[in-house]
Amino acid sequence: MADAPENTIVSTDDTPSAPKKRSTGKKASAAALVFAVGIGAWWTLLRPRGASSADPVTAEAADTVLPLESFTVNLADAEEGHFLRATLALGVAGALPTAGKGENKGMESGAVSMATIRDSILSVLTTCKSEELLTPEGKTKLKADLIAALNRDVPALQARGVYFTEFLVQR
């Protein structure tokens, strides 16, 4: 090595030098890892939760939605003057029987009667207390109770869901 001129570089390695690897492969891998971790965190913590099969209120999908008129009922509180005004729609399986043209009776034909549906709902609503209805758990329980009562009293309706469109508790 002492014989080599000063301006030349002598390599002790016999293999030709390999080109340097770019760091873009590492950057792409890191970006993919960050993306995967972000999706995992979103899936675990923030994603919209669908209905579970353990939830009786929305366990089965409804084919038809039946809007109902408002209900105004006195609540079962010991104090006087507490009432509930609620407008709701029912999610039912299958198609609903309808009355002929020009009739304003809606579903009064067949095995399903609007009077029976309203009576079943009223019987459940009048047993509620205002304290229960003010919590989300109370509303969920009310929905489950309404579905159970409707399927017991009007089995031809095949109620699958209850959707509140107005809900007012007067205390």
C-alpha atoms as a PDB file:
ATOM      1  CA  MET A   1       0.000   0.000   0.000  1.00  0.00           C
ATOM      2  CA  ALA A   2       2.945   2.261   0.380  1.00  0.00           C
ATOM      3  CA  ASP A   3       3.569   2.027  -3.379  1.00  0.00           C
ATOM      4  CA  ALA A   4       0.167   3.419  -4.299  1.00  0.00           C
ATOM      5  CA  PRO A   5       0.024   7.009  -5.504  1.00  0.00           C
ATOM      6  CA  GLU A   6      -1.420   9.524  -3.115  1.00  0.00           C
ATOM      7  CA  ASN A   7      -4.430  10.457  -5.254  1.00  0.00           C
ATOM      8  CA  THR A   8      -5.780   6.960  -5.759  1.00  0.00           C
ATOM      9  CA  ILE A   9      -7.918   5.101  -3.288  1.00  0.00           C
ATOM     10  CA  VAL A  10      -7.020   1.517  -2.702  1.00  0.00           C
ATOM     11  CA  SER A  11      -9.760  -0.842  -1.697  1.00  0.00           C
ATOM     12  CA  THR A  12      -8.996  -3.868   0.362  1.00  0.00           C
ATOM     13  CA  ASP A  13     -12.330  -5.404  -0.601  1.00  0.00           C
ATOM     14  CA  ASP A  14     -12.361  -7.557  -3.742  1.00  0.00           C
ATOM     15  CA  THR A  15     -16.110  -7.140  -4.386  1.00  0.00           C
ATOM     16  CA  PRO A  16     -17.406  -4.143  -6.268  1.00  0.00           C
ATOM     17  CA  SER A  17     -19.134  -1.658  -4.001  1.00  0.00           C
ATOM     18  CA  ALA A  18     -22.917  -2.146  -3.832  1.00  0.00           C
ATOM     19  CA  PRO A  19     -25.117   0.880  -4.468  1.00  0.00           C
ATOM     20  CA  LYS A  20     -26.571   2.435  -1.313  1.00  0.00           C
ATOM     21  CA  LYS A  21     -30.152   1.420  -0.534  1.00  0.00           C
ATOM     22  CA  ARG A  22     -32.562   4.240  -0.412  1.00  0.00           C
ATOM     23  CA  SER A  23     -34.539   4.800   2.750  1.00  0.00           C
ATOM     24  CA  THR A  24     -37.859   4.952   0.858  1.00  0.00           C
ATOM     25  CA  GLY A  25     -38.479   1.269   1.563  1.00  0.00           C
ATOM     26  CA  LYS A  26     -38.171   1.895   5.269  1.00  0.00           C
ATOM     27  CA  LYS A  27     -40.377   4.982   5.013  1.00  0.00           C
ATOM     28  CA  ALA A  28     -43.065   3.062   3.129  1.00  0.00           C
ATOM     29  CA  SER A  29     -42.972   0.262   5.688  1.00  0.00           C
ATOM     30  CA  ALA A  30     -43.241   2.762   8.539  1.00  0.00           C
ATOM     31  CA  ALA A  31     -46.159   4.534   6.834  1.00  0.00           C
ATOM     32  CA  ALA A  32     -47.967   1.223   6.291  1.00  0.00           C
ATOM     33  CA  LEU A  33     -47.417   0.297   9.931  1.00  0.00           C
ATOM     34  CA  VAL A  34     -48.736   3.651  11.154  1.00  0.00           C
ATOM     35  CA  PHE A  35     -51.759   3.303   8.864  1.00  0.00           C
ATOM     36  CA  ALA A  36     -52.468  -0.219  10.145  1.00  0.00           C
ATOM     37  CA  VAL A  37     -52.187   0.884  13.768  1.00  0.00           C
ATOM     38  CA  GLY A  38     -54.520   3.843  13.072  1.00  0.00           C
ATOM     39  CA  ILE A  39     -57.137   1.591  11.469  1.00  0.00           C
ATOM     40  CA  GLY A  40     -56.849  -0.827  14.386  1.00  0.00           C
ATOM     41  CA  ALA A  41     -57.338   1.973  16.899  1.00  0.00           C
ATOM     42  CA  TRP A  42     -60.333   3.336  14.996  1.00  0.00           C
ATOM     43  CA  TRP A  43     -61.865  -0.154  14.724  1.00  0.00           C
ATOM     44  CA  THR A  44     -61.452  -0.752  18.431  1.00  0.00           C
ATOM     45  CA  LEU A  45     -62.396   2.630  19.846  1.00  0.00           C
ATOM     46  CA  LEU A  46     -64.245   4.910  17.458  1.00  0.00           C
ATOM     47  CA  ARG A  47     -66.132   2.871  14.875  1.00  0.00           C
ATOM     48  CA  PRO A  48     -69.921   3.017  14.803  1.00  0.00           C
ATOM     49  CA  ARG A  49     -71.311   0.074  16.654  1.00  0.00           C
ATOM     50  CA  GLY A  50     -74.024  -1.968  14.977  1.00  0.00           C
ATOM     51  CA  ALA A  51     -76.733  -3.869  16.769  1.00  0.00           C
ATOM     52  CA  SER A  52     -75.542  -6.959  18.547  1.00  0.00           C
ATOM     53  CA  SER A  53     -77.535 -10.136  18.538  1.00  0.00           C
ATOM     54  CA  ALA A  54     -77.895  -9.807  22.320  1.00  0.00           C
ATOM     55  CA  ASP A  55     -79.790  -6.526  21.913  1.00  0.00           C
ATOM     56  CA  PRO A  56     -83.473  -7.516  21.607  1.00  0.00           C
ATOM     57  CA  VAL A  57     -84.559  -4.065  20.464  1.00  0.00           C
ATOM     58  CA  THR A  58     -82.709  -4.041  17.143  1.00  0.00           C
ATOM     59  CA  ALA A  59     -81.603  -7.660  16.780  1.00  0.00           C
ATOM     60  CA  GLU A  60     -83.648  -8.292  13.649  1.00  0.00           C
ATOM     61  CA  ALA A  61     -83.937  -5.964  10.703  1.00  0.00           C
ATOM     62  CA  ALA A  62     -87.318  -4.430   9.964  1.00  0.00           C
ATOM     63  CA  ASP A  63     -88.718  -4.621   6.444  1.00  0.00           C
ATOM     64  CA  THR A  64     -91.383  -1.924   6.834  1.00  0.00           C
ATOM     65  CA  VAL A  65     -91.724   1.125   9.052  1.00  0.00           C
ATOM     66  CA  LEU A  66     -95.200   1.943  10.344  1.00  0.00           C
ATOM     67  CA  PRO A  67     -95.515   5.549  11.619  1.00  0.00           C
ATOM     68  CA  LEU A  68     -98.036   6.027  14.416  1.00  0.00           C
ATOM     69  CA  GLU A  69     -99.881   9.059  15.770  1.00  0.00           C
ATOM     70  CA  SER A  70     -98.719  10.698  19.011  1.00  0.00           C
ATOM     71  CA  PHE A  71     -99.388   9.174  22.399  1.00  0.00           C
ATOM     72  CA  THR A  72    -100.014  11.343  25.466  1.00  0.00           C
ATOM     73  CA  VAL A  73    -100.275   9.372  28.702  1.00  0.00           C
ATOM     74  CA  ASN A  74    -100.139   9.966  32.430  1.00  0.00           C
ATOM     75  CA  LEU A  75     -97.121   8.273  33.945  1.00  0.00           C
ATOM     76  CA  ALA A  76     -97.179   5.907  36.922  1.00  0.00           C
ATOM     77  CA  ASP A  77     -95.372   8.343  39.225  1.00  0.00           C
ATOM     78  CA  ALA A  78     -96.693   8.860  42.744  1.00  0.00           C
ATOM     79  CA  GLU A  79     -96.688  12.614  42.149  1.00  0.00           C
ATOM     80  CA  GLU A  80     -99.468  14.159  40.118  1.00  0.00           C
ATOM     81  CA  GLY A  81     -99.100  15.788  36.751  1.00  0.00           C
ATOM     82  CA  HIS A  82     -96.301  13.782  35.163  1.00  0.00           C
ATOM     83  CA  PHE A  83     -97.018  12.749  31.613  1.00  0.00           C
ATOM     84  CA  LEU A  84     -95.317  11.497  28.484  1.00  0.00           C
ATOM     85  CA  ARG A  85     -95.921  12.622  24.939  1.00  0.00           C
ATOM     86  CA  ALA A  86     -94.277  10.319  22.422  1.00  0.00           C
ATOM     87  CA  THR A  87     -94.557   9.807  18.716  1.00  0.00           C
ATOM     88  CA  LEU A  88     -93.094   6.614  17.423  1.00  0.00           C
ATOM     89  CA  ALA A  89     -92.803   4.368  14.429  1.00  0.00           C
ATOM     90  CA  LEU A  90     -92.699   0.599  14.439  1.00  0.00           C
ATOM     91  CA  GLY A  91     -90.295  -1.487  12.436  1.00  0.00           C
ATOM     92  CA  VAL A  92     -92.134  -4.634  11.359  1.00  0.00           C
ATOM     93  CA  ALA A  93     -91.254  -7.713   9.339  1.00  0.00           C
ATOM     94  CA  GLY A  94     -92.915  -8.076   5.958  1.00  0.00           C
ATOM     95  CA  ALA A  95     -95.487  -5.870   4.309  1.00  0.00           C
ATOM     96  CA  LEU A  96     -98.462  -4.395   6.131  1.00  0.00           C
ATOM     97  CA  PRO A  97    -102.050  -5.089   5.125  1.00  0.00           C
ATOM     98  CA  THR A  98    -103.666  -1.904   3.837  1.00  0.00           C
ATOM     99  CA  ALA A  99    -107.253  -0.782   3.473  1.00  0.00           C
ATOM    100  CA  GLY A 100    -108.796  -0.119   0.078  1.00  0.00           C
ATOM    101  CA  LYS A 101    -108.618   3.195  -1.789  1.00  0.00           C
ATOM    102  CA  GLY A 102    -110.446   6.122  -0.285  1.00  0.00           C
ATOM    103  CA  GLU A 103    -110.559   4.594   3.181  1.00  0.00           C
ATOM    104  CA  ASN A 104    -108.819   6.461   5.931  1.00  0.00           C
ATOM    105  CA  LYS A 105    -108.552   3.489   8.277  1.00  0.00           C
ATOM    106  CA  GLY A 106    -105.005   2.459   7.434  1.00  0.00           C
ATOM    107  CA  MET A 107    -104.484  -1.061   8.718  1.00  0.00           C
ATOM    108  CA  GLU A 108    -107.952  -1.971   9.975  1.00  0.00           C
ATOM    109  CA  SER A 109    -108.141  -4.929   7.610  1.00  0.00           C
ATOM    110  CA  GLY A 110    -106.817  -8.418   8.226  1.00  0.00           C
ATOM    111  CA  ALA A 111    -105.384  -9.764  11.480  1.00  0.00           C
ATOM    112  CA  VAL A 112    -103.701  -6.482  12.407  1.00  0.00           C
ATOM    113  CA  SER A 113    -105.815  -3.737  13.972  1.00  0.00           C
ATOM    114  CA  MET A 114    -104.569  -0.229  14.703  1.00  0.00           C
ATOM    115  CA  ALA A 115    -106.742  -0.183  17.841  1.00  0.00           C
ATOM    116  CA  THR A 116    -104.993  -3.303  19.147  1.00  0.00           C
ATOM    117  CA  ILE A 117    -101.567  -1.835  18.375  1.00  0.00           C
ATOM    118  CA  ARG A 118    -102.350   1.447  20.134  1.00  0.00           C
ATOM    119  CA  ASP A 119    -103.897  -0.348  23.126  1.00  0.00           C
ATOM    120  CA  SER A 120    -100.822  -2.531  23.511  1.00  0.00           C
ATOM    121  CA  ILE A 121     -98.509   0.494  23.388  1.00  0.00           C
ATOM    122  CA  LEU A 122    -100.675   2.499  25.823  1.00  0.00           C
ATOM    123  CA  SER A 123    -100.690  -0.362  28.320  1.00  0.00           C
ATOM    124  CA  VAL A 124     -96.882  -0.294  28.398  1.00  0.00           C
ATOM    125  CA  LEU A 125     -96.473   3.495  28.425  1.00  0.00           C
ATOM    126  CA  THR A 126     -98.823   3.997  31.396  1.00  0.00           C
ATOM    127  CA  THR A 127     -96.685   1.712  33.584  1.00  0.00           C
ATOM    128  CA  CYS A 128     -93.551   3.848  33.121  1.00  0.00           C
ATOM    129  CA  LYS A 129     -92.131   6.306  35.621  1.00  0.00           C
ATOM    130  CA  SER A 130     -90.570   9.619  34.636  1.00  0.00           C
ATOM    131  CA  GLU A 131     -87.228   8.890  36.349  1.00  0.00           C
ATOM    132  CA  GLU A 132     -86.788   5.733  34.259  1.00  0.00           C
ATOM    133  CA  LEU A 133     -87.670   7.434  30.986  1.00  0.00           C
ATOM    134  CA  LEU A 134     -85.117  10.201  31.430  1.00  0.00           C
ATOM    135  CA  THR A 135     -82.144   7.813  31.138  1.00  0.00           C
ATOM    136  CA  PRO A 136     -80.882   6.152  27.956  1.00  0.00           C
ATOM    137  CA  GLU A 137     -81.167   2.763  29.661  1.00  0.00           C
ATOM    138  CA  GLY A 138     -84.809   3.509  30.485  1.00  0.00           C
ATOM    139  CA  LYS A 139     -85.586   4.332  26.856  1.00  0.00           C
ATOM    140  CA  THR A 140     -83.858   1.140  25.703  1.00  0.00           C
ATOM    141  CA  LYS A 141     -85.860  -0.893  28.229  1.00  0.00           C
ATOM    142  CA  LEU A 142     -89.052   0.832  27.079  1.00  0.00           C
ATOM    143  CA  LYS A 143     -88.327  -0.132  23.475  1.00  0.00           C
ATOM    144  CA  ALA A 144     -87.751  -3.755  24.483  1.00  0.00           C
ATOM    145  CA  ASP A 145     -90.973  -3.771  26.556  1.00  0.00           C
ATOM    146  CA  LEU A 146     -92.961  -2.289  23.650  1.00  0.00           C
ATOM    147  CA  ILE A 147     -91.656  -4.900  21.205  1.00  0.00           C
ATOM    148  CA  ALA A 148     -92.427  -7.716  23.647  1.00  0.00           C
ATOM    149  CA  ALA A 149     -95.959  -6.412  24.293  1.00  0.00           C
ATOM    150  CA  LEU A 150     -96.690  -5.921  20.589  1.00  0.00           C
ATOM    151  CA  ASN A 151     -95.456  -9.398  19.686  1.00  0.00           C
ATOM    152  CA  ARG A 152     -97.545 -10.843  22.516  1.00  0.00           C
ATOM    153  CA  ASP A 153    -100.746  -8.882  21.774  1.00  0.00           C
ATOM    154  CA  VAL A 154    -100.463  -8.550  17.970  1.00  0.00           C
ATOM    155  CA  PRO A 155     -98.275 -11.449  16.769  1.00  0.00           C
ATOM    156  CA  ALA A 156     -99.275 -10.915  13.115  1.00  0.00           C
ATOM    157  CA  LEU A 157     -97.532  -7.528  13.212  1.00  0.00           C
ATOM    158  CA  GLN A 158     -94.092  -9.097  13.858  1.00  0.00           C
ATOM    159  CA  ALA A 159     -92.625  -5.993  15.537  1.00  0.00           C
ATOM    160  CA  ARG A 160     -88.836  -5.758  15.203  1.00  0.00           C
ATOM    161  CA  GLY A 161     -88.036  -2.198  16.269  1.00  0.00           C
ATOM    162  CA  VAL A 162     -89.382   0.936  17.907  1.00  0.00           C
ATOM    163  CA  TYR A 163     -88.204   4.347  16.707  1.00  0.00           C
ATOM    164  CA  PHE A 164     -89.032   7.466  18.707  1.00  0.00           C
ATOM    165  CA  THR A 165     -89.626  10.549  16.578  1.00  0.00           C
ATOM    166  CA  GLU A 166     -90.822  12.674  19.517  1.00  0.00           C
ATOM    167  CA  PHE A 167     -90.254  12.034  23.213  1.00  0.00           C
ATOM    168  CA  LEU A 168     -91.269  14.514  25.903  1.00  0.00           C
ATOM    169  CA  VAL A 169     -91.503  13.818  29.635  1.00  0.00           C
ATOM    170  CA  GLN A 170     -93.386  16.511  31.597  1.00  0.00           C
ATOM    171  CA  ARG A 171     -92.458  16.608  35.279  1.00  0.00           C
END
